[in-house]
Each structure stands twice: as structure tokens, then as C-alpha cells.
């Protein structure tokens, strides 16, 4: 596995913007941050969960601590593409991300239960422990989106990202396969995330308030899961198919899933 930053600790705050809010905010943002060298890029993720969606269902209960596991690539994915196996944890509002990097085919095979090595680092051992804790982990959902990322001019730890064309799918759960998916955002919407080690700069907070841009509770995986459950409910009604919700009502899923990390 290659060398890179393995561990992140930060606060992540999410906002949903209209096209007009995005266009009004950008002239200010470019005075404090620059678009990174990749410009507009596509991010692809496989979220892993147990067969009964234990990870996302646990998060619906809004615990102080929650976690998830995903495999991520950028752009078109092949066997040789660089990828990241990531554990993302949230405790008391603070996000901790730990990851290892390597060739996609090795990472995918490892997560599918073929014990290719991902190294012997502390993070690799944490990933192994995660897999041992949640029995039956398997690919649960693919989520892809287009992202513009910005980094602070004076503070490189200050990051802002804008995601559009966010889509989910439970078909072809391998990033090497083409997968269009179902849209999560409404047309013209942007999901903005501000990522900081401490607090948001005061001038930025004032600008957001002027533009009526306020934090929201939002999860791509959680939204996709809620839509999936709604789709299954429709299928059950129309075809008589029996769906096992493991004790969770669909309305509860819809209300709580957006809070998943």
C-alpha cells in the first residue's frame, strides 16, 4: 500500500445550496480558498454493510458514536486504479477518518473475503477488527458523485467541497462496472461540506448567514437507503413481494436515515 495521509480528525458541516446560492457564494469563497489541482472529479464509493443493514439502522437511532466502511476510487476504475479502504467514525460531532490505499483489485478482493494483504499498519489492523466485528459485511450500495474541492489559501486544513449528480445503486456493486444509479439531489442543488480542524472562519459564517445558507443533516448513504426502502415498499404493494424490514417502519427510516454519517 502506498504512502499518503492515513488519519483525519475534523468537523464536517453540510449545507444544501440552490444554484443561485452557489453562484452568490463562490465570489467570496475564491478569496479564501482555491480549487484543487484535480478540478471537477468523479468520486465512486461502495458502502459495506451487514445483510440487515445494521450499520445504517444503528445510526438511525442517533447514537453518540457511529461508524461505516467504504471503498473509494476517483474517476474511471480499473483493476490497477488507486483506491482507499476507509473507516469513517463520528463521535460527539467530530469526524475521524482512517484509510489505507492500494490497487483496486486487491482492495476489492480483500473486502470480499479473499485475504489479500492490505499491510500491517495500525489502520489496517483497525479495518480487520471492523470486519471481524460486523459479521457478514458485503457491498450494500454504490454511491457516485461529481465534486469540486477547494483548500484554504492560508489554512490548508480548511476544505470546502461541492457535490452534484449524486446517485445511488444496488446493481453492479463493483466500481469497475458502469452504473448510472438514481439521483439523490433535486435538479440544480449542490451539497456543500465545510471541513475544519476547529471552527468555521467568522467572515465565512457571516456570509453564509447573509445568503440564508444553514447547516443540514445529510448523508448520501442514508438518503440512498431511505430511497431504497421506499422503493421496496412500492414493490411490495404492487407485486405482493414480502420485504423484511427487521422491525423498522419505513417512516422511521425516512425520518432518521439522513442523519447517518
Protein backbone atom coordinates (compact mmCIF):
# COMPACT_ATOMS: atom_id res chain seq x y z
CA UNK A 1 0.00 0.00 0.00
CA UNK A 2 1.29 3.46 -0.93
CA UNK A 3 2.22 6.40 1.31
CA UNK A 4 -0.38 9.14 1.93
CA UNK A 5 -2.26 10.71 4.82
CA UNK A 6 -3.94 7.89 6.75
CA UNK A 7 -5.80 9.67 9.53
CA UNK A 8 -8.10 12.71 9.61
CA UNK A 9 -9.81 14.37 12.56
CA UNK A 10 -12.10 17.27 11.78
CA UNK A 11 -15.54 18.82 11.97
CA UNK A 12 -17.64 18.43 8.82
CA UNK A 13 -20.66 20.67 8.31
CA UNK A 14 -23.09 20.09 5.43
CA UNK A 15 -25.32 22.52 3.56
CA UNK A 16 -27.76 22.19 0.67
CA UNK A 17 -27.46 25.08 -1.79
CA UNK A 18 -29.57 26.20 -4.69
CA UNK A 19 -27.83 27.21 -7.91
CA UNK A 20 -28.31 30.90 -7.10
CA UNK A 21 -26.84 30.49 -3.59
CA UNK A 22 -23.85 28.65 -5.08
CA UNK A 23 -23.28 31.45 -7.62
CA UNK A 24 -23.53 34.15 -4.94
CA UNK A 25 -21.20 32.34 -2.53
CA UNK A 26 -18.38 31.46 -4.94
CA UNK A 27 -17.04 35.03 -5.49
CA UNK A 28 -16.37 35.22 -1.74
CA UNK A 29 -15.01 31.68 -1.42
CA UNK A 30 -12.33 32.22 -4.08
CA UNK A 31 -10.84 34.96 -1.89
CA UNK A 32 -10.08 32.45 0.89
CA UNK A 33 -9.73 29.11 -0.93
CA UNK A 34 -8.57 27.72 -4.26
CA UNK A 35 -9.94 24.85 -6.33
CA UNK A 36 -7.51 21.93 -6.01
CA UNK A 37 -5.42 20.62 -8.89
CA UNK A 38 -7.99 17.99 -9.88
CA UNK A 39 -10.77 20.48 -10.65
CA UNK A 40 -14.07 18.67 -11.20
CA UNK A 41 -13.61 14.99 -10.37
CA UNK A 42 -15.86 11.95 -10.02
CA UNK A 43 -15.83 10.05 -6.74
CA UNK A 44 -17.05 6.46 -6.56
CA UNK A 45 -17.83 4.55 -3.37
CA UNK A 46 -19.02 1.12 -2.34
CA UNK A 47 -20.58 1.19 1.13
CA UNK A 48 -20.33 -2.08 3.02
CA UNK A 49 -22.97 -3.20 5.48
CA UNK A 50 -24.42 -6.35 7.01
CA UNK A 51 -27.27 -8.18 5.23
CA UNK A 52 -29.81 -6.50 7.55
CA UNK A 53 -28.20 -3.03 7.13
CA UNK A 54 -27.06 -2.99 10.74
CA UNK A 55 -24.68 -0.05 10.35
CA UNK A 56 -27.16 2.38 8.83
CA UNK A 57 -30.05 1.18 11.03
CA UNK A 58 -27.98 1.66 14.15
CA UNK A 59 -27.17 5.19 13.04
CA UNK A 60 -30.87 5.96 12.61
CA UNK A 61 -31.11 5.80 16.42
CA UNK A 62 -28.72 8.79 16.56
CA UNK A 63 -26.09 7.32 18.87
CA UNK A 64 -23.20 9.43 20.13
CA UNK A 65 -20.86 7.13 18.22
CA UNK A 66 -21.37 5.69 14.72
CA UNK A 67 -19.16 4.26 12.01
CA UNK A 68 -19.12 2.96 8.44
CA UNK A 69 -16.83 1.24 5.96
CA UNK A 70 -16.41 2.11 2.30
CA UNK A 71 -14.15 1.52 -0.69
CA UNK A 72 -13.41 4.66 -2.74
CA UNK A 73 -11.90 5.44 -6.14
CA UNK A 74 -11.63 8.53 -8.32
CA UNK A 75 -12.61 8.67 -12.00
CA UNK A 76 -12.84 5.56 -14.17
CA UNK A 77 -11.99 2.44 -12.18
CA UNK A 78 -9.87 -0.49 -13.36
CA UNK A 79 -8.00 -3.30 -11.60
CA UNK A 80 -4.96 -1.02 -11.35
CA UNK A 81 -6.75 2.12 -10.11
CA UNK A 82 -5.65 3.55 -6.80
CA UNK A 83 -8.31 3.03 -4.16
CA UNK A 84 -8.93 3.72 -0.48
CA UNK A 85 -10.48 1.44 2.11
CA UNK A 86 -11.87 3.89 4.65
CA UNK A 87 -13.37 3.65 8.10
CA UNK A 88 -15.31 6.78 8.93
CA UNK A 89 -16.34 7.33 12.52
CA UNK A 90 -18.27 10.11 14.17
CA UNK A 91 -18.16 10.72 17.90
CA UNK A 92 -19.90 13.63 19.58
CA UNK A 93 -19.91 15.66 16.36
CA UNK A 94 -16.25 15.07 15.45
CA UNK A 95 -15.41 13.01 12.35
CA UNK A 96 -12.46 10.61 12.34
CA UNK A 97 -11.42 9.04 9.03
CA UNK A 98 -8.82 6.29 8.77
CA UNK A 99 -7.78 4.75 5.48
CA UNK A 100 -5.35 2.56 3.60
CA UNK A 101 -4.55 2.88 -0.09
CA UNK A 102 -3.71 0.37 -2.78
CA UNK A 103 -4.66 -1.25 -6.08
CA UNK A 104 -8.43 -1.53 -6.53
CA UNK A 105 -8.48 -5.23 -7.40
CA UNK A 106 -6.57 -6.09 -4.21
CA UNK A 107 -8.73 -3.88 -2.02
CA UNK A 108 -11.96 -5.21 -3.52
CA UNK A 109 -10.86 -8.84 -3.18
CA UNK A 110 -9.83 -8.22 0.43
CA UNK A 111 -13.22 -6.76 1.34
CA UNK A 112 -14.98 -9.59 -0.46
CA UNK A 113 -13.29 -12.06 1.88
CA UNK A 114 -10.28 -13.07 -0.19
CA UNK A 115 -7.47 -12.38 2.24
CA UNK A 116 -5.11 -10.37 0.10
CA UNK A 117 -2.91 -8.26 2.37
CA UNK A 118 -3.58 -4.58 2.94
CA UNK A 119 -0.47 -4.20 5.08
CA UNK A 120 0.35 -4.37 8.75
CA UNK A 121 -0.21 -0.76 9.80
CA UNK A 122 -2.35 0.33 12.74
CA UNK A 123 -5.13 1.43 10.36
CA UNK A 124 -5.00 -1.91 8.50
CA UNK A 125 -5.46 -3.70 11.82
CA UNK A 126 -8.41 -1.43 12.66
CA UNK A 127 -10.05 -2.33 9.34
CA UNK A 128 -9.50 -6.03 10.07
CA UNK A 129 -11.11 -5.57 13.50
CA UNK A 130 -14.06 -3.72 11.94
CA UNK A 131 -14.65 -6.63 9.54
CA UNK A 132 -14.45 -9.14 12.39
CA UNK A 133 -16.93 -7.12 14.46
CA UNK A 134 -19.62 -6.81 11.79
CA UNK A 135 -20.17 -10.35 10.58
CA UNK A 136 -21.38 -10.80 7.01
CA UNK A 137 -20.22 -7.44 5.67
CA UNK A 138 -20.88 -7.20 1.94
CA UNK A 139 -21.28 -4.49 -0.70
CA UNK A 140 -24.55 -2.76 0.13
CA UNK A 141 -24.70 0.29 -2.14
CA UNK A 142 -22.68 2.17 -4.76
CA UNK A 143 -22.75 5.96 -4.48
CA UNK A 144 -21.03 8.20 -7.04
CA UNK A 145 -20.95 11.96 -7.50
CA UNK A 146 -19.10 14.84 -9.14
CA UNK A 147 -17.04 17.02 -6.79
CA UNK A 148 -15.27 20.35 -6.84
CA UNK A 149 -12.87 20.59 -3.89
CA UNK A 150 -11.28 23.75 -2.52
CA UNK A 151 -8.47 24.21 0.01
CA UNK A 152 -7.78 27.27 2.15
CA UNK A 153 -5.20 29.73 0.83
CA UNK A 154 -3.79 30.48 4.28
CA UNK A 155 -5.04 27.38 6.11
CA UNK A 156 -4.59 24.15 4.08
CA UNK A 157 -6.66 22.25 6.65
CA UNK A 158 -9.69 24.33 5.69
CA UNK A 159 -11.58 22.48 2.95
CA UNK A 160 -14.82 23.13 1.06
CA UNK A 161 -16.38 20.63 -1.34
CA UNK A 162 -19.37 20.87 -3.67
CA UNK A 163 -21.07 17.65 -4.77
CA UNK A 164 -23.57 17.32 -7.61
CA UNK A 165 -25.05 14.47 -9.64
CA UNK A 166 -25.17 12.30 -6.51
CA UNK A 167 -26.60 8.90 -7.42
CA UNK A 168 -27.01 5.53 -5.73
CA UNK A 169 -27.44 1.98 -6.96
CA UNK A 170 -27.66 -1.55 -5.61
CA UNK A 171 -26.89 -3.06 -9.02
CA UNK A 172 -23.38 -3.95 -10.24
CA UNK A 173 -21.76 -3.44 -6.84
CA UNK A 174 -18.27 -3.23 -8.28
CA UNK A 175 -16.73 0.11 -9.26
CA UNK A 176 -15.28 -1.44 -12.41
CA UNK A 177 -18.84 -1.82 -13.72
CA UNK A 178 -20.77 1.07 -15.27
CA UNK A 179 -23.62 2.13 -13.02
CA UNK A 180 -25.80 5.19 -13.62
CA UNK A 181 -27.92 4.98 -10.47
CA UNK A 182 -30.81 7.04 -9.11
CA UNK A 183 -30.43 10.73 -8.29
CA UNK A 184 -30.47 11.90 -4.67
CA UNK A 185 -30.47 15.70 -5.11
CA UNK A 186 -33.10 17.78 -6.84
CA UNK A 187 -32.09 19.44 -10.13
CA UNK A 188 -29.86 22.48 -9.51
CA UNK A 189 -28.93 21.54 -5.95
CA UNK A 190 -25.39 21.43 -4.55
CA UNK A 191 -24.29 19.60 -1.42
CA UNK A 192 -21.58 21.70 0.22
CA UNK A 193 -19.36 20.41 3.01
CA UNK A 194 -17.10 22.63 5.06
CA UNK A 195 -14.30 20.69 6.76
CA UNK A 196 -12.31 22.36 9.50
CA UNK A 197 -9.99 21.35 12.31
CA UNK A 198 -11.66 23.82 14.66
CA UNK A 199 -14.29 26.49 13.92
CA UNK A 200 -15.54 27.99 10.66
CA UNK A 201 -13.94 31.40 9.95
CA UNK A 202 -16.15 34.17 11.30
CA UNK A 203 -16.37 36.06 7.99
CA UNK A 204 -17.48 32.89 6.19
CA UNK A 205 -20.13 32.24 8.84
CA UNK A 206 -21.47 35.77 8.30
CA UNK A 207 -21.54 35.29 4.54
CA UNK A 208 -23.46 32.04 4.86
CA UNK A 209 -26.00 33.72 7.11
CA UNK A 210 -26.43 36.62 4.64
CA UNK A 211 -27.22 34.12 1.89
CA UNK A 212 -29.59 32.10 4.10
CA UNK A 213 -27.32 29.06 3.88
CA UNK A 214 -27.68 26.97 7.03
CA UNK A 215 -26.40 23.55 8.15
CA UNK A 216 -28.44 20.46 7.34
CA UNK A 217 -28.28 16.86 8.48
CA UNK A 218 -27.49 14.90 5.33
CA UNK A 219 -26.00 11.52 4.43
CA UNK A 220 -25.56 10.23 0.90
CA UNK A 221 -25.74 6.61 2.05
CA UNK A 222 -28.60 7.41 4.40
CA UNK A 223 -30.60 9.13 1.64
CA UNK A 224 -29.91 6.28 -0.75
CA UNK A 225 -31.01 3.77 1.88
CA UNK A 226 -34.22 5.68 2.54
CA UNK A 227 -35.00 5.73 -1.17
CA UNK A 228 -34.21 2.02 -1.42
CA UNK A 229 -36.61 1.19 1.39
CA UNK A 230 -39.30 3.36 -0.20
CA UNK A 231 -38.78 1.57 -3.49
CA UNK A 232 -39.10 -1.81 -1.78
CA UNK A 233 -42.31 -0.69 -0.10
CA UNK A 234 -43.75 0.21 -3.53
CA UNK A 235 -42.67 -3.16 -4.90
CA UNK A 236 -44.30 -4.95 -2.01
CA UNK A 237 -47.55 -3.08 -2.53
CA UNK A 238 -47.64 -3.61 -6.27
CA UNK A 239 -46.46 -7.19 -6.51
CA UNK A 240 -47.17 -8.76 -3.16
CA UNK A 241 -43.45 -9.30 -2.50
CA UNK A 242 -42.69 -9.70 1.20
CA UNK A 243 -39.96 -7.35 2.43
CA UNK A 244 -38.17 -7.93 5.76
CA UNK A 245 -37.65 -4.58 7.46
CA UNK A 246 -36.21 -6.23 10.61
CA UNK A 247 -38.60 -4.35 12.82
CA UNK A 248 -38.12 -0.87 11.36
CA UNK A 249 -41.03 1.05 9.90
CA UNK A 250 -40.40 2.81 6.62
CA UNK A 251 -41.47 6.16 8.05
CA UNK A 252 -38.80 5.80 10.75
CA UNK A 253 -36.17 5.08 8.12
CA UNK A 254 -37.19 8.15 6.13
CA UNK A 255 -37.02 10.36 9.20
CA UNK A 256 -33.71 9.13 10.53
CA UNK A 257 -31.58 7.97 7.66
CA UNK A 258 -30.42 11.48 6.72
CA UNK A 259 -28.51 11.62 10.00
CA UNK A 260 -26.20 8.76 9.11
CA UNK A 261 -22.58 9.93 8.88
